[in-house]
């Protein structure tokens, strides 16, 4: 929360432009209370950060487009269990 306050604090006239970046950081940061990211608990996968999109990494180049939907379904089966552990 301190990061949000610092970026969007009083006197910041660009808060509208800053808000998406602040929310992205908040959603993709590991929370110490449950050891997971809100993003991964919601979508069942780790977020691909903008740098990974522009610069190929193993995660972005190893995607099997044909089997991606099947793998996402398997991840969704495990997602409920991860959410329960985080609660």
PDB file of N, CA and C in Angstrom:
ATOM      1  N   UNK A   1       0.813  -1.192   0.000  1.00  0.00           N
ATOM      2  CA  UNK A   1       0.000   0.000   0.000  1.00  0.00           C
ATOM      3  C   UNK A   1       0.865   1.267   0.000  1.00  0.00           C
ATOM      4  N   UNK A   2       2.050   1.162   0.596  1.00  0.00           N
ATOM      5  CA  UNK A   2       2.922   2.337   0.637  1.00  0.00           C
ATOM      6  C   UNK A   2       3.328   2.764  -0.774  1.00  0.00           C
ATOM      7  N   UNK A   3       3.562   1.777  -1.649  1.00  0.00           N
ATOM      8  CA  UNK A   3       3.919   2.091  -3.031  1.00  0.00           C
ATOM      9  C   UNK A   3       2.798   2.807  -3.750  1.00  0.00           C
ATOM     10  N   UNK A   4       1.583   2.377  -3.482  1.00  0.00           N
ATOM     11  CA  UNK A   4       0.419   3.032  -4.096  1.00  0.00           C
ATOM     12  C   UNK A   4       0.322   4.467  -3.596  1.00  0.00           C
ATOM     13  N   UNK A   5       0.461   4.643  -2.298  1.00  0.00           N
ATOM     14  CA  UNK A   5       0.387   5.991  -1.727  1.00  0.00           C
ATOM     15  C   UNK A   5       1.491   6.884  -2.289  1.00  0.00           C
ATOM     16  N   UNK A   6       2.691   6.329  -2.432  1.00  0.00           N
ATOM     17  CA  UNK A   6       3.818   7.121  -2.931  1.00  0.00           C
ATOM     18  C   UNK A   6       3.600   7.561  -4.373  1.00  0.00           C
ATOM     19  N   UNK A   7       3.112   6.645  -5.220  1.00  0.00           N
ATOM     20  CA  UNK A   7       2.934   6.977  -6.644  1.00  0.00           C
ATOM     21  C   UNK A   7       1.701   7.835  -6.903  1.00  0.00           C
ATOM     22  N   UNK A   8       0.666   7.660  -6.087  1.00  0.00           N
ATOM     23  CA  UNK A   8      -0.583   8.363  -6.342  1.00  0.00           C
ATOM     24  C   UNK A   8      -0.902   9.409  -5.282  1.00  0.00           C
ATOM     25  N   UNK A   9       0.090   9.755  -4.481  1.00  0.00           N
ATOM     26  CA  UNK A   9      -0.115  10.670  -3.364  1.00  0.00           C
ATOM     27  C   UNK A   9      -0.568  12.055  -3.780  1.00  0.00           C
ATOM     28  N   UNK A  10      -0.848  12.838  -2.759  1.00  0.00           N
ATOM     29  CA  UNK A  10      -1.279  14.220  -2.980  1.00  0.00           C
ATOM     30  C   UNK A  10      -0.249  14.965  -3.820  1.00  0.00           C
ATOM     31  N   UNK A  11      -0.742  15.819  -4.663  1.00  0.00           N
ATOM     32  CA  UNK A  11       0.144  16.609  -5.492  1.00  0.00           C
ATOM     33  C   UNK A  11       0.497  15.942  -6.816  1.00  0.00           C
ATOM     34  N   UNK A  12       0.155  14.656  -6.977  1.00  0.00           N
ATOM     35  CA  UNK A  12       0.444  13.966  -8.233  1.00  0.00           C
ATOM     36  C   UNK A  12      -0.705  14.216  -9.195  1.00  0.00           C
ATOM     37  N   UNK A  13      -0.487  15.107 -10.124  1.00  0.00           N
ATOM     38  CA  UNK A  13      -1.531  15.462 -11.081  1.00  0.00           C
ATOM     39  C   UNK A  13      -1.674  14.420 -12.193  1.00  0.00           C
ATOM     40  N   UNK A  14      -0.732  13.501 -12.292  1.00  0.00           N
ATOM     41  CA  UNK A  14      -0.775  12.463 -13.331  1.00  0.00           C
ATOM     42  C   UNK A  14      -1.305  11.137 -12.803  1.00  0.00           C
ATOM     43  N   UNK A  15      -2.093  11.157 -11.735  1.00  0.00           N
ATOM     44  CA  UNK A  15      -2.525   9.916 -11.111  1.00  0.00           C
ATOM     45  C   UNK A  15      -3.337   9.038 -12.073  1.00  0.00           C
ATOM     46  N   UNK A  16      -4.053   9.656 -13.006  1.00  0.00           N
ATOM     47  CA  UNK A  16      -4.843   8.869 -13.955  1.00  0.00           C
ATOM     48  C   UNK A  16      -3.924   8.026 -14.837  1.00  0.00           C
ATOM     49  N   UNK A  17      -2.801   8.589 -15.265  1.00  0.00           N
ATOM     50  CA  UNK A  17      -1.846   7.859 -16.091  1.00  0.00           C
ATOM     51  C   UNK A  17      -1.068   6.832 -15.263  1.00  0.00           C
ATOM     52  N   UNK A  18      -0.836   7.137 -14.005  1.00  0.00           N
ATOM     53  CA  UNK A  18      -0.051   6.254 -13.132  1.00  0.00           C
ATOM     54  C   UNK A  18      -0.860   5.060 -12.620  1.00  0.00           C
ATOM     55  N   UNK A  19      -2.173   5.201 -12.485  1.00  0.00           N
ATOM     56  CA  UNK A  19      -2.996   4.176 -11.856  1.00  0.00           C
ATOM     57  C   UNK A  19      -2.856   2.787 -12.477  1.00  0.00           C
ATOM     58  N   UNK A  20      -2.904   2.616 -13.805  1.00  0.00           N
ATOM     59  CA  UNK A  20      -2.750   1.264 -14.366  1.00  0.00           C
ATOM     60  C   UNK A  20      -1.418   0.614 -13.996  1.00  0.00           C
ATOM     61  N   UNK A  21      -0.347   1.389 -13.961  1.00  0.00           N
ATOM     62  CA  UNK A  21       0.968   0.852 -13.614  1.00  0.00           C
ATOM     63  C   UNK A  21       1.018   0.431 -12.145  1.00  0.00           C
ATOM     64  N   UNK A  22       0.432   1.243 -11.296  1.00  0.00           N
ATOM     65  CA  UNK A  22       0.413   0.938  -9.869  1.00  0.00           C
ATOM     66  C   UNK A  22      -0.417  -0.316  -9.605  1.00  0.00           C
ATOM     67  N   UNK A  23      -1.576  -0.416 -10.246  1.00  0.00           N
ATOM     68  CA  UNK A  23      -2.425  -1.595 -10.056  1.00  0.00           C
ATOM     69  C   UNK A  23      -1.750  -2.857 -10.586  1.00  0.00           C
ATOM     70  N   UNK A  24      -1.070  -2.753 -11.717  1.00  0.00           N
ATOM     71  CA  UNK A  24      -0.338  -3.902 -12.264  1.00  0.00           C
ATOM     72  C   UNK A  24       0.716  -4.384 -11.272  1.00  0.00           C
ATOM     73  N   UNK A  25       1.475  -3.446 -10.715  1.00  0.00           N
ATOM     74  CA  UNK A  25       2.503  -3.803  -9.741  1.00  0.00           C
ATOM     75  C   UNK A  25       1.874  -4.462  -8.520  1.00  0.00           C
ATOM     76  N   UNK A  26       0.762  -3.926  -8.066  1.00  0.00           N
ATOM     77  CA  UNK A  26       0.086  -4.483  -6.886  1.00  0.00           C
ATOM     78  C   UNK A  26      -0.414  -5.903  -7.150  1.00  0.00           C
ATOM     79  N   UNK A  27      -0.970  -6.139  -8.325  1.00  0.00           N
ATOM     80  CA  UNK A  27      -1.551  -7.449  -8.658  1.00  0.00           C
ATOM     81  C   UNK A  27      -0.505  -8.517  -8.952  1.00  0.00           C
ATOM     82  N   UNK A  28       0.685  -8.105  -9.353  1.00  0.00           N
ATOM     83  CA  UNK A  28       1.710  -9.084  -9.717  1.00  0.00           C
ATOM     84  C   UNK A  28       2.805  -9.225  -8.668  1.00  0.00           C
ATOM     85  N   UNK A  29       2.633  -8.587  -7.525  1.00  0.00           N
ATOM     86  CA  UNK A  29       3.606  -8.672  -6.436  1.00  0.00           C
ATOM     87  C   UNK A  29       3.214  -9.823  -5.502  1.00  0.00           C
ATOM     88  N   UNK A  30       4.178 -10.624  -5.112  1.00  0.00           N
ATOM     89  CA  UNK A  30       3.911 -11.734  -4.189  1.00  0.00           C
ATOM     90  C   UNK A  30       3.543 -11.162  -2.824  1.00  0.00           C
ATOM     91  N   UNK A  31       2.435 -11.645  -2.304  1.00  0.00           N
ATOM     92  CA  UNK A  31       1.962 -11.206  -0.987  1.00  0.00           C
ATOM     93  C   UNK A  31       2.500 -12.150   0.075  1.00  0.00           C
ATOM     94  N   UNK A  32       3.090 -11.598   1.111  1.00  0.00           N
ATOM     95  CA  UNK A  32       3.711 -12.422   2.156  1.00  0.00           C
ATOM     96  C   UNK A  32       2.682 -13.211   2.952  1.00  0.00           C
ATOM     97  N   UNK A  33       1.435 -12.742   3.013  1.00  0.00           N
ATOM     98  CA  UNK A  33       0.427 -13.437   3.814  1.00  0.00           C
ATOM     99  C   UNK A  33       0.099 -14.820   3.265  1.00  0.00           C
ATOM    100  N   UNK A  34       0.157 -14.987   1.937  1.00  0.00           N
ATOM    101  CA  UNK A  34      -0.149 -16.299   1.358  1.00  0.00           C
ATOM    102  C   UNK A  34       0.890 -16.779   0.358  1.00  0.00           C
ATOM    103  N   UNK A  35       1.914 -15.996   0.098  1.00  0.00           N
ATOM    104  CA  UNK A  35       3.020 -16.421  -0.752  1.00  0.00           C
ATOM    105  C   UNK A  35       2.688 -16.536  -2.230  1.00  0.00           C
ATOM    106  N   UNK A  36       1.652 -15.853  -2.665  1.00  0.00           N
ATOM    107  CA  UNK A  36       1.261 -15.923  -4.065  1.00  0.00           C
ATOM    108  C   UNK A  36       0.871 -14.533  -4.550  1.00  0.00           C
ATOM    109  N   UNK A  37       0.719 -14.405  -5.881  1.00  0.00           N
ATOM    110  CA  UNK A  37       0.313 -13.143  -6.476  1.00  0.00           C
ATOM    111  C   UNK A  37      -1.198 -13.135  -6.681  1.00  0.00           C
ATOM    112  N   UNK A  38      -1.875 -12.003  -6.442  1.00  0.00           N
ATOM    113  CA  UNK A  38      -3.299 -11.933  -6.749  1.00  0.00           C
ATOM    114  C   UNK A  38      -3.589 -12.300  -8.206  1.00  0.00           C
ATOM    115  N   UNK A  39      -2.716 -11.918  -9.118  1.00  0.00           N
ATOM    116  CA  UNK A  39      -2.904 -12.232 -10.536  1.00  0.00           C
ATOM    117  C   UNK A  39      -2.969 -13.743 -10.750  1.00  0.00           C
ATOM    118  N   UNK A  40      -2.016 -14.476 -10.172  1.00  0.00           N
ATOM    119  CA  UNK A  40      -1.984 -15.924 -10.405  1.00  0.00           C
ATOM    120  C   UNK A  40      -3.136 -16.628  -9.704  1.00  0.00           C
ATOM    121  N   UNK A  41      -3.617 -16.087  -8.585  1.00  0.00           N
ATOM    122  CA  UNK A  41      -4.785 -16.677  -7.935  1.00  0.00           C
ATOM    123  C   UNK A  41      -6.063 -16.429  -8.738  1.00  0.00           C
ATOM    124  N   UNK A  42      -6.078 -15.356  -9.492  1.00  0.00           N
ATOM    125  CA  UNK A  42      -7.245 -15.049 -10.315  1.00  0.00           C
ATOM    126  C   UNK A  42      -7.230 -15.823 -11.625  1.00  0.00           C
ATOM    127  N   UNK A  43      -6.079 -15.831 -12.301  1.00  0.00           N
ATOM    128  CA  UNK A  43      -6.004 -16.395 -13.650  1.00  0.00           C
ATOM    129  C   UNK A  43      -5.344 -17.766 -13.730  1.00  0.00           C
ATOM    130  N   UNK A  44      -4.768 -18.227 -12.644  1.00  0.00           N
ATOM    131  CA  UNK A  44      -4.173 -19.557 -12.635  1.00  0.00           C
ATOM    132  C   UNK A  44      -2.829 -19.665 -13.310  1.00  0.00           C
ATOM    133  N   UNK A  45      -2.201 -18.558 -13.595  1.00  0.00           N
ATOM    134  CA  UNK A  45      -0.892 -18.557 -14.237  1.00  0.00           C
ATOM    135  C   UNK A  45      -0.138 -17.300 -13.830  1.00  0.00           C
ATOM    136  N   UNK A  46       1.167 -17.333 -13.978  1.00  0.00           N
ATOM    137  CA  UNK A  46       1.957 -16.137 -13.690  1.00  0.00           C
ATOM    138  C   UNK A  46       1.753 -15.121 -14.801  1.00  0.00           C
ATOM    139  N   UNK A  47       1.840 -13.866 -14.449  1.00  0.00           N
ATOM    140  CA  UNK A  47       1.700 -12.791 -15.429  1.00  0.00           C
ATOM    141  C   UNK A  47       2.937 -12.739 -16.321  1.00  0.00           C
ATOM    142  N   UNK A  48       2.726 -12.415 -17.575  1.00  0.00           N
ATOM    143  CA  UNK A  48       3.841 -12.158 -18.488  1.00  0.00           C
ATOM    144  C   UNK A  48       4.055 -10.658 -18.447  1.00  0.00           C
ATOM    145  N   UNK A  49       5.202 -10.248 -17.945  1.00  0.00           N
ATOM    146  CA  UNK A  49       5.459  -8.821 -17.802  1.00  0.00           C
ATOM    147  C   UNK A  49       5.787  -8.212 -19.170  1.00  0.00           C
ATOM    148  N   UNK A  50       5.520  -6.916 -19.329  1.00  0.00           N
ATOM    149  CA  UNK A  50       5.744  -6.280 -20.639  1.00  0.00           C
ATOM    150  C   UNK A  50       7.133  -6.505 -21.224  1.00  0.00           C
ATOM    151  N   UNK A  51       8.162  -6.564 -20.404  1.00  0.00           N
ATOM    152  CA  UNK A  51       9.518  -6.786 -20.908  1.00  0.00           C
ATOM    153  C   UNK A  51       9.603  -8.146 -21.600  1.00  0.00           C
ATOM    154  N   UNK A  52       8.913  -9.166 -21.068  1.00  0.00           N
ATOM    155  CA  UNK A  52       8.945 -10.501 -21.671  1.00  0.00           C
ATOM    156  C   UNK A  52       8.255 -10.533 -23.026  1.00  0.00           C
ATOM    157  N   UNK A  53       7.308  -9.651 -23.251  1.00  0.00           N
ATOM    158  CA  UNK A  53       6.599  -9.614 -24.522  1.00  0.00           C
ATOM    159  C   UNK A  53       7.521  -9.101 -25.622  1.00  0.00           C
ATOM    160  N   UNK A  54       8.283  -8.069 -25.315  1.00  0.00           N
ATOM    161  CA  UNK A  54       9.170  -7.468 -26.318  1.00  0.00           C
ATOM    162  C   UNK A  54      10.483  -8.205 -26.482  1.00  0.00           C
ATOM    163  N   UNK A  55      10.940  -8.884 -25.436  1.00  0.00           N
ATOM    164  CA  UNK A  55      12.212  -9.594 -25.477  1.00  0.00           C
ATOM    165  C   UNK A  55      11.927 -11.076 -25.206  1.00  0.00           C
ATOM    166  N   UNK A  56      12.093 -11.937 -26.195  1.00  0.00           N
ATOM    167  CA  UNK A  56      11.727 -13.342 -26.020  1.00  0.00           C
ATOM    168  C   UNK A  56      12.408 -13.998 -24.819  1.00  0.00           C
ATOM    169  N   UNK A  57      11.620 -14.725 -24.055  1.00  0.00           N
ATOM    170  CA  UNK A  57      12.115 -15.505 -22.935  1.00  0.00           C
ATOM    171  C   UNK A  57      11.635 -16.936 -23.134  1.00  0.00           C
ATOM    172  N   UNK A  58      12.089 -17.831 -22.303  1.00  0.00           N
ATOM    173  CA  UNK A  58      11.651 -19.221 -22.420  1.00  0.00           C
ATOM    174  C   UNK A  58      10.133 -19.329 -22.309  1.00  0.00           C
ATOM    175  N   UNK A  59       9.547 -18.594 -21.387  1.00  0.00           N
ATOM    176  CA  UNK A  59       8.088 -18.666 -21.183  1.00  0.00           C
ATOM    177  C   UNK A  59       7.313 -18.242 -22.420  1.00  0.00           C
ATOM    178  N   UNK A  60       7.797 -17.213 -23.125  1.00  0.00           N
ATOM    179  CA  UNK A  60       7.042 -16.723 -24.276  1.00  0.00           C
ATOM    180  C   UNK A  60       7.342 -17.494 -25.553  1.00  0.00           C
ATOM    181  N   UNK A  61       8.517 -18.095 -25.658  1.00  0.00           N
ATOM    182  CA  UNK A  61       8.843 -18.831 -26.882  1.00  0.00           C
ATOM    183  C   UNK A  61       8.447 -20.303 -26.802  1.00  0.00           C
ATOM    184  N   UNK A  62       8.275 -20.839 -25.604  1.00  0.00           N
ATOM    185  CA  UNK A  62       7.960 -22.257 -25.440  1.00  0.00           C
ATOM    186  C   UNK A  62       6.457 -22.537 -25.425  1.00  0.00           C
ATOM    187  N   UNK A  63       5.644 -21.536 -25.700  1.00  0.00           N
ATOM    188  CA  UNK A  63       4.196 -21.732 -25.694  1.00  0.00           C
ATOM    189  C   UNK A  63       3.804 -22.625 -26.867  1.00  0.00           C
ATOM    190  N   UNK A  64       3.087 -23.669 -26.554  1.00  0.00           N
ATOM    191  CA  UNK A  64       2.567 -24.574 -27.583  1.00  0.00           C
ATOM    192  C   UNK A  64       1.131 -24.146 -27.871  1.00  0.00           C
ATOM    193  N   UNK A  65       0.955 -23.393 -28.948  1.00  0.00           N
ATOM    194  CA  UNK A  65      -0.350 -22.817 -29.261  1.00  0.00           C
ATOM    195  C   UNK A  65      -1.415 -23.893 -29.433  1.00  0.00           C
ATOM    196  N   UNK A  66      -1.063 -25.026 -29.990  1.00  0.00           N
ATOM    197  CA  UNK A  66      -2.019 -26.099 -30.241  1.00  0.00           C
ATOM    198  C   UNK A  66      -2.561 -26.671 -28.926  1.00  0.00           C
ATOM    199  N   UNK A  67      -1.687 -26.896 -27.960  1.00  0.00           N
ATOM    200  CA  UNK A  67      -2.102 -27.500 -26.694  1.00  0.00           C
ATOM    201  C   UNK A  67      -2.369 -26.487 -25.587  1.00  0.00           C
ATOM    202  N   UNK A  68      -2.287 -25.217 -25.895  1.00  0.00           N
ATOM    203  CA  UNK A  68      -2.434 -24.187 -24.872  1.00  0.00           C
ATOM    204  C   UNK A  68      -3.778 -24.267 -24.148  1.00  0.00           C
ATOM    205  N   UNK A  69      -4.872 -24.434 -24.885  1.00  0.00           N
ATOM    206  CA  UNK A  69      -6.195 -24.489 -24.257  1.00  0.00           C
ATOM    207  C   UNK A  69      -6.312 -25.679 -23.311  1.00  0.00           C
ATOM    208  N   UNK A  70      -5.768 -26.810 -23.712  1.00  0.00           N
ATOM    209  CA  UNK A  70      -5.815 -28.000 -22.867  1.00  0.00           C
ATOM    210  C   UNK A  70      -5.029 -27.769 -21.568  1.00  0.00           C
ATOM    211  N   UNK A  71      -3.867 -27.153 -21.701  1.00  0.00           N
ATOM    212  CA  UNK A  71      -3.040 -26.883 -20.530  1.00  0.00           C
ATOM    213  C   UNK A  71      -3.702 -25.857 -19.613  1.00  0.00           C
ATOM    214  N   UNK A  72      -4.384 -24.867 -20.195  1.00  0.00           N
ATOM    215  CA  UNK A  72      -5.095 -23.891 -19.381  1.00  0.00           C
ATOM    216  C   UNK A  72      -6.209 -24.554 -18.576  1.00  0.00           C
ATOM    217  N   UNK A  73      -6.900 -25.503 -19.162  1.00  0.00           N
ATOM    218  CA  UNK A  73      -7.950 -26.234 -18.445  1.00  0.00           C
ATOM    219  C   UNK A  73      -7.356 -27.011 -17.267  1.00  0.00           C
ATOM    220  N   UNK A  74      -6.208 -27.621 -17.471  1.00  0.00           N
ATOM    221  CA  UNK A  74      -5.546 -28.330 -16.369  1.00  0.00           C
ATOM    222  C   UNK A  74      -5.155 -27.366 -15.258  1.00  0.00           C
ATOM    223  N   UNK A  75      -4.646 -26.205 -15.642  1.00  0.00           N
ATOM    224  CA  UNK A  75      -4.282 -25.195 -14.645  1.00  0.00           C
ATOM    225  C   UNK A  75      -5.499 -24.729 -13.861  1.00  0.00           C
ATOM    226  N   UNK A  76      -6.645 -24.582 -14.538  1.00  0.00           N
ATOM    227  CA  UNK A  76      -7.856 -24.147 -13.851  1.00  0.00           C
ATOM    228  C   UNK A  76      -8.317 -25.175 -12.829  1.00  0.00           C
ATOM    229  N   UNK A  77      -8.100 -26.456 -13.112  1.00  0.00           N
ATOM    230  CA  UNK A  77      -8.444 -27.497 -12.144  1.00  0.00           C
ATOM    231  C   UNK A  77      -7.641 -27.338 -10.860  1.00  0.00           C
ATOM    232  N   UNK A  78      -6.388 -26.930 -10.987  1.00  0.00           N
ATOM    233  CA  UNK A  78      -5.522 -26.753  -9.824  1.00  0.00           C
ATOM    234  C   UNK A  78      -5.699 -25.398  -9.152  1.00  0.00           C
ATOM    235  N   UNK A  79      -6.305 -24.457  -9.868  1.00  0.00           N
ATOM    236  CA  UNK A  79      -6.440 -23.100  -9.359  1.00  0.00           C
ATOM    237  C   UNK A  79      -7.294 -23.043  -8.095  1.00  0.00           C
ATOM    238  N   UNK A  80      -8.384 -23.762  -8.064  1.00  0.00           N
ATOM    239  CA  UNK A  80      -9.253 -23.741  -6.886  1.00  0.00           C
ATOM    240  C   UNK A  80      -8.503 -24.199  -5.636  1.00  0.00           C
ATOM    241  N   UNK A  81      -7.664 -25.213  -5.803  1.00  0.00           N
ATOM    242  CA  UNK A  81      -6.862 -25.702  -4.684  1.00  0.00           C
ATOM    243  C   UNK A  81      -5.885 -24.619  -4.206  1.00  0.00           C
ATOM    244  N   UNK A  82      -5.244 -23.916  -5.131  1.00  0.00           N
ATOM    245  CA  UNK A  82      -4.319 -22.838  -4.761  1.00  0.00           C
ATOM    246  C   UNK A  82      -5.043 -21.723  -4.037  1.00  0.00           C
ATOM    247  N   UNK A  83      -6.261 -21.390  -4.481  1.00  0.00           N
ATOM    248  CA  UNK A  83      -7.038 -20.339  -3.825  1.00  0.00           C
ATOM    249  C   UNK A  83      -7.404 -20.744  -2.404  1.00  0.00           C
ATOM    250  N   UNK A  84      -7.770 -21.992  -2.219  1.00  0.00           N
ATOM    251  CA  UNK A  84      -8.130 -22.470  -0.884  1.00  0.00           C
ATOM    252  C   UNK A  84      -6.935 -22.410   0.062  1.00  0.00           C
ATOM    253  N   UNK A  85      -5.765 -22.778  -0.439  1.00  0.00           N
ATOM    254  CA  UNK A  85      -4.558 -22.719   0.393  1.00  0.00           C
ATOM    255  C   UNK A  85      -4.204 -21.287   0.755  1.00  0.00           C
ATOM    256  N   UNK A  86      -4.484 -20.349  -0.146  1.00  0.00           N
ATOM    257  CA  UNK A  86      -4.144 -18.950   0.099  1.00  0.00           C
ATOM    258  C   UNK A  86      -5.119 -18.277   1.069  1.00  0.00           C
ATOM    259  N   UNK A  87      -6.309 -18.825   1.186  1.00  0.00           N
ATOM    260  CA  UNK A  87      -7.348 -18.189   2.038  1.00  0.00           C
ATOM    261  C   UNK A  87      -7.093 -18.359   3.496  1.00  0.00           C
TER     262      UNK A  87
END
